[in-house]
C-alpha atoms as a PDB file:
ATOM      1  CA  MET A   1    -164.919  69.411 112.291  1.00  0.00           C
ATOM      2  CA  ARG A   2    -168.230  69.898 110.949  1.00  0.00           C
ATOM      3  CA  PRO A   3    -168.631  66.382 109.449  1.00  0.00           C
ATOM      4  CA  VAL A   4    -166.199  63.931 112.188  1.00  0.00           C
ATOM      5  CA  VAL A   5    -168.935  65.825 114.909  1.00  0.00           C
ATOM      6  CA  ASP A   6    -171.556  65.188 112.820  1.00  0.00           C
ATOM      7  CA  GLU A   7    -171.345  61.044 112.800  1.00  0.00           C
ATOM      8  CA  VAL A   8    -169.772  61.147 116.239  1.00  0.00           C
ATOM      9  CA  GLY A   9    -172.303  63.344 118.351  1.00  0.00           C
ATOM     10  CA  GLY A  10    -173.015  63.657 121.882  1.00  0.00           C
ATOM     11  CA  PRO A  11    -172.293  67.245 123.598  1.00  0.00           C
ATOM     12  CA  TRP A  12    -168.658  66.344 123.703  1.00  0.00           C
ATOM     13  CA  ALA A  13    -167.781  66.386 119.733  1.00  0.00           C
ATOM     14  CA  GLN A  14    -170.452  69.616 119.924  1.00  0.00           C
ATOM     15  CA  TRP A  15    -168.524  71.293 122.484  1.00  0.00           C
ATOM     16  CA  GLN A  16    -165.890  70.986 120.709  1.00  0.00           C
ATOM     17  CA  LEU A  17    -166.884  72.178 117.300  1.00  0.00           C
ATOM     18  CA  LEU A  18    -168.948  75.320 119.211  1.00  0.00           C
ATOM     19  CA  ARG A  19    -166.051  76.541 120.601  1.00  0.00           C
ATOM     20  CA  GLY A  20    -163.865  76.313 117.086  1.00  0.00           C
ATOM     21  CA  GLN A  21    -166.446  78.137 115.694  1.00  0.00           C
ATOM     22  CA  GLY A  22    -167.074  80.762 118.594  1.00  0.00           C
ATOM     23  CA  VAL A  23    -162.803  81.629 118.689  1.00  0.00           C
ATOM     24  CA  LEU A  24    -162.584  81.736 115.110  1.00  0.00           C
ATOM     25  CA  ALA A  25    -165.496  84.275 114.932  1.00  0.00           C
ATOM     26  CA  GLN A  26    -163.947  86.599 117.648  1.00  0.00           C
ATOM     27  CA  ALA A  27    -160.524  86.108 115.353  1.00  0.00           C
ATOM     28  CA  HIS A  28    -162.393  87.864 112.878  1.00  0.00           C
ATOM     29  CA  ALA A  29    -163.962  90.211 114.971  1.00  0.00           C
ATOM     30  CA  ARG A  30    -167.658  89.131 114.593  1.00  0.00           C
ATOM     31  CA  PHE A  31    -168.097  89.246 118.150  1.00  0.00           C
ATOM     32  CA  ALA A  32    -171.978  88.342 118.100  1.00  0.00           C
ATOM     33  CA  ASP A  33    -171.631  85.382 116.465  1.00  0.00           C
ATOM     34  CA  ALA A  34    -168.324  84.790 119.267  1.00  0.00           C
ATOM     35  CA  ARG A  35    -170.975  85.756 122.327  1.00  0.00           C
ATOM     36  CA  ARG A  36    -173.657  83.457 121.084  1.00  0.00           C
ATOM     37  CA  LEU A  37    -171.453  80.565 120.160  1.00  0.00           C
ATOM     38  CA  ALA A  38    -169.685  80.173 123.258  1.00  0.00           C
ATOM     39  CA  ALA A  39    -173.428  80.430 125.572  1.00  0.00           C
ATOM     40  CA  GLU A  40    -174.298  77.542 122.945  1.00  0.00           C
ATOM     41  CA  ALA A  41    -171.173  75.903 123.568  1.00  0.00           C
ATOM     42  CA  PHE A  42    -171.468  75.539 127.617  1.00  0.00           C
ATOM     43  CA  THR A  43    -175.496  74.891 127.135  1.00  0.00           C
ATOM     44  CA  ALA A  44    -173.725  71.711 125.223  1.00  0.00           C
ATOM     45  CA  VAL A  45    -171.845  69.986 127.780  1.00  0.00           C
ATOM     46  CA  ALA A  46    -172.593  72.031 130.861  1.00  0.00           C
ATOM     47  CA  ARG A  47    -175.432  69.727 131.504  1.00  0.00           C
ATOM     48  CA  SER A  48    -172.842  66.887 131.082  1.00  0.00           C
ATOM     49  CA  GLY A  49    -170.998  67.597 134.902  1.00  0.00           C
ATOM     50  CA  GLN A  50    -167.441  68.478 132.382  1.00  0.00           C
ATOM     51  CA  PRO A  51    -165.710  70.297 135.198  1.00  0.00           C
ATOM     52  CA  PHE A  52    -163.946  72.852 132.800  1.00  0.00           C
ATOM     53  CA  ALA A  53    -166.805  73.330 131.098  1.00  0.00           C
ATOM     54  CA  GLY A  54    -166.876  77.356 132.403  1.00  0.00           C
ATOM     55  CA  LEU A  55    -162.984  77.821 131.483  1.00  0.00           C
ATOM     56  CA  PRO A  56    -163.529  78.447 127.604  1.00  0.00           C
ATOM     57  CA  ARG A  57    -166.709  80.421 127.557  1.00  0.00           C
ATOM     58  CA  ALA A  58    -164.887  82.525 130.043  1.00  0.00           C
ATOM     59  CA  GLY A  59    -161.071  82.829 128.265  1.00  0.00           C
ATOM     60  CA  LEU A  60    -163.274  83.786 124.777  1.00  0.00           C
ATOM     61  CA  LEU A  61    -166.127  86.526 126.766  1.00  0.00           C
ATOM     62  CA  GLN A  62    -162.757  88.583 127.841  1.00  0.00           C
ATOM     63  CA  THR A  63    -160.699  88.609 124.698  1.00  0.00           C
ATOM     64  CA  VAL A  64    -164.473  89.863 123.236  1.00  0.00           C
ATOM     65  CA  GLY A  65    -164.611  92.213 125.298  1.00  0.00           C
ATOM     66  CA  HIS A  66    -160.366  93.262 125.270  1.00  0.00           C
ATOM     67  CA  HIS A  67    -161.660  95.003 122.152  1.00  0.00           C
ATOM     68  CA  THR A  68    -165.608  95.214 122.342  1.00  0.00           C
ATOM     69  CA  GLY A  69    -165.074  96.673 126.896  1.00  0.00           C
ATOM     70  CA  HIS A  70    -166.154  93.718 129.818  1.00  0.00           C
ATOM     71  CA  ASP A  71    -169.560  93.895 131.058  1.00  0.00           C
ATOM     72  CA  ASP A  72    -171.696  91.585 132.844  1.00  0.00           C
ATOM     73  CA  GLN A  73    -171.101  88.755 131.686  1.00  0.00           C
ATOM     74  CA  SER A  74    -167.212  88.899 130.768  1.00  0.00           C
ATOM     75  CA  LEU A  75    -167.207  89.514 134.724  1.00  0.00           C
ATOM     76  CA  LYS A  76    -169.567  86.947 136.209  1.00  0.00           C
ATOM     77  CA  ALA A  77    -167.642  84.455 133.674  1.00  0.00           C
ATOM     78  CA  TYR A  78    -164.755  84.480 135.965  1.00  0.00           C
ATOM     79  CA  GLY A  79    -166.381  85.307 138.747  1.00  0.00           C
ATOM     80  CA  LEU A  80    -165.538  88.758 139.629  1.00  0.00           C
ATOM     81  CA  THR A  81    -168.787  91.428 140.964  1.00  0.00           C
ATOM     82  CA  ASP A  82    -168.030  94.433 142.760  1.00  0.00           C
ATOM     83  CA  ALA A  83    -167.245  93.376 146.095  1.00  0.00           C
ATOM     84  CA  PRO A  84    -162.877  93.324 146.195  1.00  0.00           C
ATOM     85  CA  VAL A  85    -160.898  89.859 144.605  1.00  0.00           C
ATOM     86  CA  ARG A  86    -158.865  88.297 146.626  1.00  0.00           C
ATOM     87  CA  ALA A  87    -155.904  86.440 145.099  1.00  0.00           C
ATOM     88  CA  THR A  88    -157.316  82.973 147.464  1.00  0.00           C
ATOM     89  CA  ASP A  89    -160.467  83.076 145.186  1.00  0.00           C
ATOM     90  CA  PHE A  90    -158.281  81.854 142.059  1.00  0.00           C
ATOM     91  CA  PRO A  91    -156.516  78.978 143.386  1.00  0.00           C
ATOM     92  CA  ARG A  92    -153.392  78.582 141.021  1.00  0.00           C
ATOM     93  CA  VAL A  93    -154.179  74.437 140.425  1.00  0.00           C
ATOM     94  CA  VAL A  94    -155.099  76.282 136.729  1.00  0.00           C
ATOM     95  CA  PHE A  95    -152.025  79.030 136.140  1.00  0.00           C
ATOM     96  CA  MET A  96    -154.554  80.924 133.632  1.00  0.00           C
ATOM     97  CA  MET A  97    -157.859  80.963 135.409  1.00  0.00           C
ATOM     98  CA  VAL A  98    -155.268  83.090 137.622  1.00  0.00           C
ATOM     99  CA  LEU A  99    -153.524  85.877 135.054  1.00  0.00           C
ATOM    100  CA  ALA A 100    -156.781  86.118 133.029  1.00  0.00           C
ATOM    101  CA  PRO A 101    -159.219  87.981 135.709  1.00  0.00           C
ATOM    102  CA  ALA A 102    -156.031  89.626 136.558  1.00  0.00           C
ATOM    103  CA  HIS A 103    -155.553  91.435 132.964  1.00  0.00           C
ATOM    104  CA  LEU A 104    -159.620  91.864 132.891  1.00  0.00           C
ATOM    105  CA  LEU A 105    -159.282  93.655 136.075  1.00  0.00           C
ATOM    106  CA  THR A 106    -156.708  96.046 134.587  1.00  0.00           C
ATOM    107  CA  GLU A 107    -158.891  96.667 131.990  1.00  0.00           C
ATOM    108  CA  ILE A 108    -161.282  98.660 133.627  1.00  0.00           C
ATOM    109  CA  GLY A 109    -159.129 100.103 136.287  1.00  0.00           C
ATOM    110  CA  ARG A 110    -158.889  97.813 139.353  1.00  0.00           C
ATOM    111  CA  LEU A 111    -155.497  98.213 139.606  1.00  0.00           C
ATOM    112  CA  SER A 112    -155.117  96.995 142.933  1.00  0.00           C
ATOM    113  CA  GLU A 113    -156.861  93.628 142.877  1.00  0.00           C
ATOM    114  CA  ALA A 114    -154.980  92.513 139.198  1.00  0.00           C
ATOM    115  CA  GLY A 115    -151.645  93.777 141.379  1.00  0.00           C
ATOM    116  CA  ALA A 116    -152.657  91.149 143.946  1.00  0.00           C
ATOM    117  CA  LEU A 117    -153.344  88.539 141.965  1.00  0.00           C
ATOM    118  CA  TYR A 118    -150.944  89.074 139.610  1.00  0.00           C
ATOM    119  CA  ARG A 119    -148.279  88.697 142.731  1.00  0.00           C
ATOM    120  CA  SER A 120    -149.983  85.452 143.978  1.00  0.00           C
ATOM    121  CA  LEU A 121    -148.545  83.790 140.784  1.00  0.00           C
ATOM    122  CA  GLY A 122    -144.599  84.649 142.139  1.00  0.00           C
ATOM    123  CA  PRO A 123    -141.159  86.082 140.115  1.00  0.00           C
ATOM    124  CA  VAL A 124    -142.047  85.962 136.735  1.00  0.00           C
ATOM    125  CA  ALA A 125    -138.909  84.151 136.088  1.00  0.00           C
ATOM    126  CA  THR A 126    -140.588  81.233 138.396  1.00  0.00           C
ATOM    127  CA  TRP A 127    -143.326  81.588 136.180  1.00  0.00           C
ATOM    128  CA  ARG A 128    -144.776  77.643 134.537  1.00  0.00           C
ATOM    129  CA  PRO A 129    -147.961  77.829 133.180  1.00  0.00           C
ATOM    130  CA  HIS A 130    -149.222  74.801 131.877  1.00  0.00           C
ATOM    131  CA  ALA A 131    -147.667  74.639 127.978  1.00  0.00           C
ATOM    132  CA  HIS A 132    -150.514  74.842 125.755  1.00  0.00           C
ATOM    133  CA  GLY A 133    -150.807  78.023 127.663  1.00  0.00           C
ATOM    134  CA  THR A 134    -147.888  78.935 127.820  1.00  0.00           C
ATOM    135  CA  LEU A 135    -147.405  81.930 124.803  1.00  0.00           C
ATOM    136  CA  SER A 136    -151.072  83.392 126.158  1.00  0.00           C
ATOM    137  CA  ALA A 137    -149.504  82.987 129.474  1.00  0.00           C
ATOM    138  CA  TYR A 138    -146.421  85.503 128.184  1.00  0.00           C
ATOM    139  CA  GLY A 139    -149.027  88.005 126.214  1.00  0.00           C
ATOM    140  CA  PHE A 140    -151.285  88.088 129.421  1.00  0.00           C
ATOM    141  CA  GLY A 141    -148.451  88.782 131.135  1.00  0.00           C
ATOM    142  CA  ILE A 142    -147.116  91.504 129.521  1.00  0.00           C
ATOM    143  CA  GLY A 143    -150.567  93.572 129.190  1.00  0.00           C
ATOM    144  CA  VAL A 144    -151.089  93.156 133.064  1.00  0.00           C
ATOM    145  CA  ALA A 145    -147.789  93.796 133.984  1.00  0.00           C
ATOM    146  CA  VAL A 146    -147.495  96.818 131.550  1.00  0.00           C
ATOM    147  CA  ALA A 147    -149.827  98.285 132.926  1.00  0.00           C
ATOM    148  CA  LEU A 148    -148.990  97.566 136.532  1.00  0.00           C
ATOM    149  CA  ASP A 149    -145.155 100.100 135.606  1.00  0.00           C
ATOM    150  CA  ALA A 150    -143.923  96.289 136.282  1.00  0.00           C
ATOM    151  CA  THR A 151    -141.197  97.153 133.337  1.00  0.00           C
ATOM    152  CA  ASP A 152    -138.429  94.647 135.246  1.00  0.00           C
ATOM    153  CA  ASP A 153    -141.375  91.565 134.665  1.00  0.00           C
ATOM    154  CA  VAL A 154    -142.082  93.268 131.103  1.00  0.00           C
ATOM    155  CA  ALA A 155    -138.612  92.865 130.544  1.00  0.00           C
ATOM    156  CA  THR A 156    -138.271  89.100 131.257  1.00  0.00           C
ATOM    157  CA  LEU A 157    -141.246  88.493 129.955  1.00  0.00           C
ATOM    158  CA  ARG A 158    -140.266  89.488 126.757  1.00  0.00           C
ATOM    159  CA  GLU A 159    -137.184  87.683 126.727  1.00  0.00           C
ATOM    160  CA  LEU A 160    -139.899  84.603 127.655  1.00  0.00           C
ATOM    161  CA  LEU A 161    -141.997  85.399 124.510  1.00  0.00           C
ATOM    162  CA  ASN A 162    -138.730  86.064 122.014  1.00  0.00           C
ATOM    163  CA  PRO A 163    -138.327  82.538 121.084  1.00  0.00           C
ATOM    164  CA  TYR A 164    -141.410  82.170 119.810  1.00  0.00           C
ATOM    165  CA  ARG A 165    -141.642  85.061 117.186  1.00  0.00           C
ATOM    166  CA  GLY A 166    -143.594  83.506 114.236  1.00  0.00           C
ATOM    167  CA  LEU A 167    -146.429  82.202 116.026  1.00  0.00           C
ATOM    168  CA  HIS A 168    -149.871  83.373 116.915  1.00  0.00           C
ATOM    169  CA  LEU A 169    -151.191  83.664 121.083  1.00  0.00           C
ATOM    170  CA  ALA A 170    -153.732  80.697 121.548  1.00  0.00           C
ATOM    171  CA  SER A 171    -154.628  77.607 123.163  1.00  0.00           C
ATOM    172  CA  GLY A 172    -153.016  74.681 122.519  1.00  0.00           C
ATOM    173  CA  ALA A 173    -155.429  72.191 124.230  1.00  0.00           C
ATOM    174  CA  GLY A 174    -158.121  72.801 122.409  1.00  0.00           C
ATOM    175  CA  ALA A 175    -159.549  76.373 120.619  1.00  0.00           C
ATOM    176  CA  VAL A 176    -160.399  78.521 123.568  1.00  0.00           C
ATOM    177  CA  ALA A 177    -159.403  82.118 122.474  1.00  0.00           C
ATOM    178  CA  TYR A 178    -156.845  84.422 119.742  1.00  0.00           C
ATOM    179  CA  PHE A 179    -154.990  87.063 120.992  1.00  0.00           C
ATOM    180  CA  GLY A 180    -152.425  88.055 118.096  1.00  0.00           C
ATOM    181  CA  PRO A 181    -149.191  87.667 116.922  1.00  0.00           C
ATOM    182  CA  ALA A 182    -146.356  87.035 119.426  1.00  0.00           C
ATOM    183  CA  GLU A 183    -145.048  89.984 117.556  1.00  0.00           C
ATOM    184  CA  LEU A 184    -147.867  92.267 118.673  1.00  0.00           C
ATOM    185  CA  TRP A 185    -147.020  92.100 122.419  1.00  0.00           C
ATOM    186  CA  LEU A 186    -143.030  91.830 122.129  1.00  0.00           C
ATOM    187  CA  GLY A 187    -143.930  95.620 120.062  1.00  0.00           C
ATOM    188  CA  VAL A 188    -145.599  96.480 123.328  1.00  0.00           C
ATOM    189  CA  ALA A 189    -143.207  95.381 125.766  1.00  0.00           C
ATOM    190  CA  ALA A 190    -140.515  96.947 123.412  1.00  0.00           C
ATOM    191  CA  ARG A 191    -141.966  99.929 124.060  1.00  0.00           C
ATOM    192  CA  HIS A 192    -142.591 100.432 127.501  1.00  0.00           C
ATOM    193  CA  LEU A 193    -139.110  99.313 127.845  1.00  0.00           C
ATOM    194  CA  GLY A 194    -138.117 102.478 125.532  1.00  0.00           C
ATOM    195  CA  LEU A 195    -137.001  99.982 123.276  1.00  0.00           C
ATOM    196  CA  LEU A 196    -138.656 102.712 120.326  1.00  0.00           C
ATOM    197  CA  ASP A 197    -137.420 101.222 117.251  1.00  0.00           C
ATOM    198  CA  GLU A 198    -137.935  97.292 118.276  1.00  0.00           C
ATOM    199  CA  ALA A 199    -140.914  98.218 119.354  1.00  0.00           C
ATOM    200  CA  VAL A 200    -141.734  99.284 115.764  1.00  0.00           C
ATOM    201  CA  ALA A 201    -140.339  97.221 113.698  1.00  0.00           C
ATOM    202  CA  ASP A 202    -142.458  94.091 115.916  1.00  0.00           C
ATOM    203  CA  LEU A 203    -145.190  96.128 115.343  1.00  0.00           C
ATOM    204  CA  GLU A 204    -144.914  96.399 111.110  1.00  0.00           C
ATOM    205  CA  ARG A 205    -144.691  92.540 111.562  1.00  0.00           C
ATOM    206  CA  ALA A 206    -148.129  92.314 113.883  1.00  0.00           C
ATOM    207  CA  VAL A 207    -149.931  93.977 111.320  1.00  0.00           C
ATOM    208  CA  ARG A 208    -148.573  92.424 108.661  1.00  0.00           C
ATOM    209  CA  ALA A 209    -149.843  88.564 110.417  1.00  0.00           C
ATOM    210  CA  CYS A 210    -152.837  90.129 110.888  1.00  0.00           C
ATOM    211  CA  ALA A 211    -153.523  91.183 107.384  1.00  0.00           C
ATOM    212  CA  VAL A 212    -152.293  87.778 105.839  1.00  0.00           C
ATOM    213  CA  ASN A 213    -154.642  85.654 108.720  1.00  0.00           C
ATOM    214  CA  GLY A 214    -157.590  88.312 108.699  1.00  0.00           C
ATOM    215  CA  ALA A 215    -157.574  88.878 111.823  1.00  0.00           C
ATOM    216  CA  ILE A 216    -158.941  92.525 111.630  1.00  0.00           C
ATOM    217  CA  GLY A 217    -159.753  93.207 115.236  1.00  0.00           C
ATOM    218  CA  PHE A 218    -156.068  92.896 116.801  1.00  0.00           C
ATOM    219  CA  HIS A 219    -155.074  93.994 112.955  1.00  0.00           C
ATOM    220  CA  ALA A 220    -156.579  97.459 113.577  1.00  0.00           C
ATOM    221  CA  GLU A 221    -154.668  97.235 117.482  1.00  0.00           C
ATOM    222  CA  ALA A 222    -151.552  96.928 115.977  1.00  0.00           C
ATOM    223  CA  GLN A 223    -151.576  99.537 113.973  1.00  0.00           C
ATOM    224  CA  TYR A 224    -153.032 101.509 117.063  1.00  0.00           C
ATOM    225  CA  GLU A 225    -149.476 100.439 119.109  1.00  0.00           C
ATOM    226  CA  LEU A 226    -148.106 100.916 116.012  1.00  0.00           C
ATOM    227  CA  ALA A 227    -149.695 104.548 115.697  1.00  0.00           C
ATOM    228  CA  ALA A 228    -148.905 105.135 119.233  1.00  0.00           C
ATOM    229  CA  VAL A 229    -144.708 104.003 119.530  1.00  0.00           C
ATOM    230  CA  LEU A 230    -144.563 106.349 116.223  1.00  0.00           C
ATOM    231  CA  ALA A 231    -145.941 109.430 117.893  1.00  0.00           C
ATOM    232  CA  ARG A 232    -143.492 108.531 121.098  1.00  0.00           C
ATOM    233  CA  ARG A 233    -140.378 108.441 118.531  1.00  0.00           C
ATOM    234  CA  ALA A 234    -141.307 111.621 116.921  1.00  0.00           C
ATOM    235  CA  ALA A 235    -138.264 110.497 114.459  1.00  0.00           C
ATOM    236  CA  PRO A 236    -139.102 112.556 110.569  1.00  0.00           C
ATOM    237  CA  GLY A 237    -142.393 111.017 108.859  1.00  0.00           C
ATOM    238  CA  ASP A 238    -143.445 109.467 112.084  1.00  0.00           C
ATOM    239  CA  VAL A 239    -145.783 111.599 113.257  1.00  0.00           C
ATOM    240  CA  ALA A 240    -147.690 111.884 110.296  1.00  0.00           C
ATOM    241  CA  ARG A 241    -147.831 108.666 109.501  1.00  0.00           C
ATOM    242  CA  ALA A 242    -149.573 108.101 113.248  1.00  0.00           C
ATOM    243  CA  ARG A 243    -151.636 109.938 112.241  1.00  0.00           C
ATOM    244  CA  SER A 244    -152.779 108.418 109.296  1.00  0.00           C
ATOM    245  CA  LEU A 245    -152.287 104.761 111.260  1.00  0.00           C
ATOM    246  CA  VAL A 246    -154.743 106.226 114.190  1.00  0.00           C
ATOM    247  CA  ALA A 247    -157.560 107.261 111.647  1.00  0.00           C
ATOM    248  CA  ASP A 248    -157.663 104.231 109.995  1.00  0.00           C
ATOM    249  CA  VAL A 249    -158.149 102.476 113.131  1.00  0.00           C
ATOM    250  CA  ALA A 250    -160.630 104.619 114.387  1.00  0.00           C
ATOM    251  CA  ARG A 251    -163.075 103.939 111.857  1.00  0.00           C
ATOM    252  CA  GLN A 252    -161.890 100.011 111.992  1.00  0.00           C
ATOM    253  CA  ALA A 253    -162.705  99.837 115.635  1.00  0.00           C
ATOM    254  CA  ALA A 254    -166.246 102.616 114.861  1.00  0.00           C
ATOM    255  CA  GLU A 255    -167.011  99.464 111.907  1.00  0.00           C
ATOM    256  CA  LEU A 256    -166.318  96.899 114.318  1.00  0.00           C
ATOM    257  CA  GLY A 257    -167.663  98.119 117.597  1.00  0.00           C
ATOM    258  CA  MET A 258    -164.096  97.912 119.350  1.00  0.00           C
ATOM    259  CA  ALA A 259    -165.202 100.096 122.191  1.00  0.00           C
ATOM    260  CA  LEU A 260    -161.766 100.366 123.867  1.00  0.00           C
ATOM    261  CA  ILE A 261    -159.244 100.681 120.616  1.00  0.00           C
ATOM    262  CA  GLY A 262    -162.060 103.370 119.899  1.00  0.00           C
ATOM    263  CA  SER A 263    -161.603 104.943 122.622  1.00  0.00           C
ATOM    264  CA  LYS A 264    -157.503 104.809 122.792  1.00  0.00           C
ATOM    265  CA  ALA A 265    -157.618 105.807 119.570  1.00  0.00           C
ATOM    266  CA  ALA A 266    -159.543 109.185 120.297  1.00  0.00           C
ATOM    267  CA  THR A 267    -157.656 110.239 123.094  1.00  0.00           C
ATOM    268  CA  LEU A 268    -154.229 109.401 120.242  1.00  0.00           C
ATOM    269  CA  ILE A 269    -155.981 111.211 117.892  1.00  0.00           C
ATOM    270  CA  GLU A 270    -156.639 114.080 120.590  1.00  0.00           C
ATOM    271  CA  GLN A 271    -152.479 114.061 121.689  1.00  0.00           C
ATOM    272  CA  LEU A 272    -151.484 114.365 118.374  1.00  0.00           C
ATOM    273  CA  ASP A 273    -153.362 117.172 117.749  1.00  0.00           C
ATOM    274  CA  THR A 274    -152.026 119.482 120.182  1.00  0.00           C
ATOM    275  CA  SER A 275    -148.024 120.419 120.082  1.00  0.00           C
ATOM    276  CA  ARG A 276    -146.688 119.269 122.981  1.00  0.00           C
ATOM    277  CA  PRO A 277    -143.524 117.275 122.362  1.00  0.00           C
ATOM    278  CA  PRO A 278    -143.695 113.380 123.254  1.00  0.00           C
ATOM    279  CA  THR A 279    -141.529 112.253 125.341  1.00  0.00           C
ATOM    280  CA  PRO A 280    -140.121 108.986 126.187  1.00  0.00           C
ATOM    281  CA  LEU A 281    -140.886 108.370 129.553  1.00  0.00           C
ATOM    282  CA  THR A 282    -143.872 105.863 130.944  1.00  0.00           C
ATOM    283  CA  PRO A 283    -146.602 107.943 133.038  1.00  0.00           C
ATOM    284  CA  ARG A 284    -145.158 106.029 136.070  1.00  0.00           C
ATOM    285  CA  GLU A 285    -141.899 107.902 134.661  1.00  0.00           C
ATOM    286  CA  GLN A 286    -143.354 110.612 134.300  1.00  0.00           C
ATOM    287  CA  ASP A 287    -144.449 110.855 138.263  1.00  0.00           C
ATOM    288  CA  VAL A 288    -141.290 109.890 139.385  1.00  0.00           C
ATOM    289  CA  ALA A 289    -139.820 112.758 137.104  1.00  0.00           C
ATOM    290  CA  ALA A 290    -141.951 115.618 138.942  1.00  0.00           C
ATOM    291  CA  LEU A 291    -141.012 114.523 142.469  1.00  0.00           C
ATOM    292  CA  VAL A 292    -137.450 114.632 141.601  1.00  0.00           C
ATOM    293  CA  ALA A 293    -137.864 117.956 140.342  1.00  0.00           C
ATOM    294  CA  LYS A 294    -139.125 118.743 143.806  1.00  0.00           C
ATOM    295  CA  GLY A 295    -136.270 117.696 145.123  1.00  0.00           C
ATOM    296  CA  LEU A 296    -137.498 114.561 146.788  1.00  0.00           C
ATOM    297  CA  THR A 297    -135.241 111.941 147.288  1.00  0.00           C
ATOM    298  CA  ASN A 298    -135.967 108.519 146.294  1.00  0.00           C
ATOM    299  CA  ARG A 299    -137.390 106.874 149.901  1.00  0.00           C
ATOM    300  CA  GLU A 300    -140.199 109.780 149.927  1.00  0.00           C
ATOM    301  CA  ILE A 301    -140.545 109.252 146.009  1.00  0.00           C
ATOM    302  CA  ALA A 302    -141.532 105.909 147.200  1.00  0.00           C
ATOM    303  CA  GLY A 303    -144.038 106.916 150.248  1.00  0.00           C
ATOM    304  CA  GLN A 304    -145.752 109.159 147.622  1.00  0.00           C
ATOM    305  CA  LEU A 305    -146.140 106.956 144.956  1.00  0.00           C
ATOM    306  CA  TYR A 306    -146.562 103.471 146.947  1.00  0.00           C
ATOM    307  CA  LEU A 307    -143.269 102.125 145.594  1.00  0.00           C
ATOM    308  CA  SER A 308    -140.655 100.370 146.867  1.00  0.00           C
ATOM    309  CA  GLU A 309    -137.476 102.623 147.389  1.00  0.00           C
ATOM    310  CA  ARG A 310    -135.397  99.846 145.240  1.00  0.00           C
ATOM    311  CA  THR A 311    -137.990 100.444 142.613  1.00  0.00           C
ATOM    312  CA  ALA A 312    -138.247 103.996 142.508  1.00  0.00           C
ATOM    313  CA  GLN A 313    -134.345 104.134 142.547  1.00  0.00           C
ATOM    314  CA  ASN A 314    -134.883 101.777 138.736  1.00  0.00           C
ATOM    315  CA  HIS A 315    -137.483 103.932 137.467  1.00  0.00           C
ATOM    316  CA  VAL A 316    -134.436 107.255 138.622  1.00  0.00           C
ATOM    317  CA  GLN A 317    -131.749 105.464 136.456  1.00  0.00           C
ATOM    318  CA  HIS A 318    -134.499 104.498 133.493  1.00  0.00           C
ATOM    319  CA  ILE A 319    -134.903 107.809 133.650  1.00  0.00           C
ATOM    320  CA  LEU A 320    -131.569 109.104 133.266  1.00  0.00           C
ATOM    321  CA  THR A 321    -131.047 106.752 130.667  1.00  0.00           C
ATOM    322  CA  LYS A 322    -134.031 107.126 128.584  1.00  0.00           C
ATOM    323  CA  LEU A 323    -133.478 111.239 128.460  1.00  0.00           C
ATOM    324  CA  LEU A 324    -129.631 110.658 128.067  1.00  0.00           C
ATOM    325  CA  LEU A 325    -128.935 112.611 131.491  1.00  0.00           C
ATOM    326  CA  ALA A 326    -126.239 112.899 134.628  1.00  0.00           C
ATOM    327  CA  ASN A 327    -127.814 113.345 137.409  1.00  0.00           C
ATOM    328  CA  ARG A 328    -131.085 114.420 138.839  1.00  0.00           C
ATOM    329  CA  SER A 329    -130.566 117.858 138.588  1.00  0.00           C
ATOM    330  CA  GLN A 330    -130.722 117.948 134.694  1.00  0.00           C
ATOM    331  CA  ILE A 331    -133.383 115.544 135.697  1.00  0.00           C
ATOM    332  CA  ALA A 332    -135.075 118.922 137.462  1.00  0.00           C
ATOM    333  CA  VAL A 333    -133.654 120.508 134.113  1.00  0.00           C
ATOM    334  CA  TRP A 334    -136.233 118.676 131.948  1.00  0.00           C
ATOM    335  CA  VAL A 335    -138.850 118.449 134.095  1.00  0.00           C
ATOM    336  CA  THR A 336    -139.546 122.369 133.811  1.00  0.00           C
ATOM    337  CA  ALA A 337    -138.425 122.675 130.349  1.00  0.00           C
ATOM    338  CA  ASN A 338    -140.836 119.640 129.323  1.00  0.00           C
ATOM    339  CA  GLN A 339    -143.770 121.014 131.660  1.00  0.00           C
ATOM    340  CA  ARG A 340    -147.419 119.707 130.780  1.00  0.00           C
ATOM    341  CA  THR A 341    -150.230 121.679 131.240  1.00  0.00           C
ATOM    342  CA  PRO A 342    -153.594 120.054 131.693  1.00  0.00           C
END
């Protein structure tokens, strides 16, 4: 673009060039360069009064924060502060300007606020994101739904993203941010749903795709996700392979300054170093199983975990299916046999 921009001139053309350079830096894990270019791009066009000047900056800073950890810059770019977020603060006229802050909030642990934003978009099956943001919407949606343990939504979003295998998550209306290959998020969804063989296959494809296109930050993330699935599946050879992968992830994360991935890798290494058996259950399903073992009904479980009774019932059914058990009494036996001590 540079020769064309030099010929055309003006802030708008310069903005487009700087945005593209910033996204390439982010995709190549040159995070300091990406932050600098995001600021330069915004400065180039802000004086023109362009109403959407801040959106690409917010998207780029958020995606950098996805790997390095979020700071005041990425929070303020979306108008997020320490004050509680209200869904009405983010009008749905720009779909990703609701979903992206929700995703960011999950990554800093503000799940209640993230859930309110996410649910303001309506049922997943009725989502109609802008065409240029479709893939990003499904990928971000999977990330939020997994964090909120919204299992049915994860399944729906996985079906919606599935036709786009072989493609990558990026805006189709000018450079905003790069968010990895579709198979990365399909693999994350499959792992949450307990489809471990499918998760391994998708994440292996994601690792290969990122090795080819040079997205080294997402290459490390895909390796981490693959290691986590292998550790959970625990088929012959899986745990040894998981150890090797996650050790490489920890090294890459330290070299690239990827604090969030590094923290996840350290936790997985610690888990692999213990003798505790892996479990196919999600953290929320483990909570439900523990309450089933105490003799609580679905209604009582729902009250304890702030769920609907139907959601509690669905969790119990998922537990029975994943563990190949016939009834609640067998869940209690399984919990006793797999009791985990702090």
